[in-house]
Amino acid sequence: MAEQGKKPIKEFKAGTVRAAIWKEDREDSGRQTIRFSVKIEKRYFDEASKEWRNTDYFFANDLPRLRLVAERAFEFIVLGESKDGGDAE
């Protein structure tokens, strides 16, 4: 899970939709393992507060961007691009 204060190892953005990837090194039954978690969210401007906010609710027209960032995150993790630790963008 994303830890407070830690930065993701990689981010993918498409418009206002963003996927952030975190890497967790852990020990499982005496062997080191790596687990990744992905958070997908959308930025929007709240007219009432005049501030930018994040949400995990999406409209139908957000779904192509959501799909794109989810695919990029999956490729990054599965194709091994994450092995070098990556840089957060």
C-alpha atoms as a PDB file:
ATOM      1  CA  MET A   1       0.000   0.000   0.000  1.00  0.00           C
ATOM      2  CA  ALA A   2       1.038   3.576  -0.500  1.00  0.00           C
ATOM      3  CA  GLU A   3       2.789   4.788   2.619  1.00  0.00           C
ATOM      4  CA  GLN A   4       2.364   8.262   4.016  1.00  0.00           C
ATOM      5  CA  GLY A   5       5.340  10.384   2.981  1.00  0.00           C
ATOM      6  CA  LYS A   6       6.786   7.875   0.498  1.00  0.00           C
ATOM      7  CA  LYS A   7       6.773   8.774  -3.171  1.00  0.00           C
ATOM      8  CA  PRO A   8       5.678   6.410  -5.902  1.00  0.00           C
ATOM      9  CA  ILE A   9       8.426   4.824  -8.004  1.00  0.00           C
ATOM     10  CA  LYS A  10       6.572   5.712 -11.216  1.00  0.00           C
ATOM     11  CA  GLU A  11       3.558   7.736 -12.350  1.00  0.00           C
ATOM     12  CA  PHE A  12       1.613   7.706 -15.588  1.00  0.00           C
ATOM     13  CA  LYS A  13      -0.707  10.579 -16.507  1.00  0.00           C
ATOM     14  CA  ALA A  14      -3.322  11.031 -19.205  1.00  0.00           C
ATOM     15  CA  GLY A  15      -5.004  14.380 -18.854  1.00  0.00           C
ATOM     16  CA  THR A  16      -6.318  14.615 -15.301  1.00  0.00           C
ATOM     17  CA  VAL A  17      -6.129  10.845 -14.655  1.00  0.00           C
ATOM     18  CA  ARG A  18      -3.049   9.490 -12.914  1.00  0.00           C
ATOM     19  CA  ALA A  19      -1.748   6.042 -11.948  1.00  0.00           C
ATOM     20  CA  ALA A  20       0.944   5.965  -9.263  1.00  0.00           C
ATOM     21  CA  ILE A  21       2.973   2.822  -8.525  1.00  0.00           C
ATOM     22  CA  TRP A  22       4.546   1.939  -5.187  1.00  0.00           C
ATOM     23  CA  LYS A  23       7.071  -0.831  -4.572  1.00  0.00           C
ATOM     24  CA  GLU A  24       7.196  -2.806  -1.334  1.00  0.00           C
ATOM     25  CA  ASP A  25      10.106  -5.101  -0.479  1.00  0.00           C
ATOM     26  CA  ARG A  26       8.994  -7.761   1.965  1.00  0.00           C
ATOM     27  CA  GLU A  27       9.984 -11.103   3.399  1.00  0.00           C
ATOM     28  CA  ASP A  28       7.628 -14.021   2.823  1.00  0.00           C
ATOM     29  CA  SER A  29       8.434 -17.432   4.326  1.00  0.00           C
ATOM     30  CA  GLY A  30      12.091 -16.519   4.660  1.00  0.00           C
ATOM     31  CA  ARG A  31      12.577 -15.184   1.132  1.00  0.00           C
ATOM     32  CA  GLN A  32      12.604 -11.647  -0.176  1.00  0.00           C
ATOM     33  CA  THR A  33       9.693 -10.703  -2.400  1.00  0.00           C
ATOM     34  CA  ILE A  34       8.557  -7.527  -4.109  1.00  0.00           C
ATOM     35  CA  ARG A  35       4.967  -6.384  -4.235  1.00  0.00           C
ATOM     36  CA  PHE A  36       3.608  -3.452  -6.203  1.00  0.00           C
ATOM     37  CA  SER A  37       0.501  -1.409  -5.535  1.00  0.00           C
ATOM     38  CA  VAL A  38      -1.194   1.015  -7.908  1.00  0.00           C
ATOM     39  CA  LYS A  39      -3.434   3.952  -7.076  1.00  0.00           C
ATOM     40  CA  ILE A  40      -5.505   5.522  -9.836  1.00  0.00           C
ATOM     41  CA  GLU A  41      -7.155   8.880  -9.285  1.00  0.00           C
ATOM     42  CA  LYS A  42      -8.414  11.947 -11.107  1.00  0.00           C
ATOM     43  CA  ARG A  43      -7.723  15.610 -10.357  1.00  0.00           C
ATOM     44  CA  TYR A  44     -10.549  18.126 -10.568  1.00  0.00           C
ATOM     45  CA  PHE A  45     -11.102  21.746  -9.639  1.00  0.00           C
ATOM     46  CA  ASP A  46     -13.670  22.258  -6.884  1.00  0.00           C
ATOM     47  CA  GLU A  47     -15.491  25.505  -7.681  1.00  0.00           C
ATOM     48  CA  ALA A  48     -16.872  25.817  -4.143  1.00  0.00           C
ATOM     49  CA  SER A  49     -13.484  25.758  -2.397  1.00  0.00           C
ATOM     50  CA  LYS A  50     -11.464  27.058  -5.384  1.00  0.00           C
ATOM     51  CA  GLU A  51      -8.968  24.211  -4.858  1.00  0.00           C
ATOM     52  CA  TRP A  52      -7.710  21.242  -6.843  1.00  0.00           C
ATOM     53  CA  ARG A  53      -8.808  17.902  -5.363  1.00  0.00           C
ATOM     54  CA  ASN A  54      -8.420  14.183  -6.086  1.00  0.00           C
ATOM     55  CA  THR A  55     -11.175  11.627  -6.554  1.00  0.00           C
ATOM     56  CA  ASP A  56     -11.441   7.940  -7.398  1.00  0.00           C
ATOM     57  CA  TYR A  57     -14.793   8.399  -9.142  1.00  0.00           C
ATOM     58  CA  PHE A  58     -14.784   8.587 -12.928  1.00  0.00           C
ATOM     59  CA  PHE A  59     -17.257   9.682 -15.600  1.00  0.00           C
ATOM     60  CA  ALA A  60     -17.743   7.631 -18.764  1.00  0.00           C
ATOM     61  CA  ASN A  61     -15.510   9.992 -20.761  1.00  0.00           C
ATOM     62  CA  ASP A  62     -12.684   9.442 -18.201  1.00  0.00           C
ATOM     63  CA  LEU A  63     -12.601   5.687 -18.820  1.00  0.00           C
ATOM     64  CA  PRO A  64     -10.312   5.705 -21.898  1.00  0.00           C
ATOM     65  CA  ARG A  65      -7.708   7.662 -19.878  1.00  0.00           C
ATOM     66  CA  LEU A  66      -8.176   5.355 -16.893  1.00  0.00           C
ATOM     67  CA  ARG A  67      -7.629   2.343 -19.165  1.00  0.00           C
ATOM     68  CA  LEU A  68      -4.508   3.912 -20.662  1.00  0.00           C
ATOM     69  CA  VAL A  69      -2.794   4.672 -17.340  1.00  0.00           C
ATOM     70  CA  ALA A  70      -3.808   1.252 -15.949  1.00  0.00           C
ATOM     71  CA  GLU A  71      -2.274  -0.484 -18.985  1.00  0.00           C
ATOM     72  CA  ARG A  72       0.934   1.537 -18.679  1.00  0.00           C
ATOM     73  CA  ALA A  73       1.188   0.681 -14.973  1.00  0.00           C
ATOM     74  CA  PHE A  74       0.629  -3.007 -15.740  1.00  0.00           C
ATOM     75  CA  GLU A  75       3.282  -2.957 -18.486  1.00  0.00           C
ATOM     76  CA  PHE A  76       5.755  -1.208 -16.196  1.00  0.00           C
ATOM     77  CA  ILE A  77       5.310  -3.857 -13.491  1.00  0.00           C
ATOM     78  CA  VAL A  78       5.002  -6.986 -15.652  1.00  0.00           C
ATOM     79  CA  LEU A  79       7.636  -6.211 -18.266  1.00  0.00           C
ATOM     80  CA  GLY A  80      10.215  -5.634 -15.570  1.00  0.00           C
ATOM     81  CA  GLU A  81      10.828  -1.946 -16.162  1.00  0.00           C
ATOM     82  CA  SER A  82      10.383  -1.530 -12.417  1.00  0.00           C
ATOM     83  CA  LYS A  83      13.427  -3.706 -11.543  1.00  0.00           C
ATOM     84  CA  ASP A  84      15.798  -0.745 -11.573  1.00  0.00           C
ATOM     85  CA  GLY A  85      13.645   1.081  -9.028  1.00  0.00           C
ATOM     86  CA  GLY A  86      12.423   3.604 -11.569  1.00  0.00           C
ATOM     87  CA  ASP A  87      12.135   7.313 -11.064  1.00  0.00           C
ATOM     88  CA  ALA A  88       8.929   9.043 -10.045  1.00  0.00           C
ATOM     89  CA  GLU A  89       7.857  11.451 -12.751  1.00  0.00           C
END
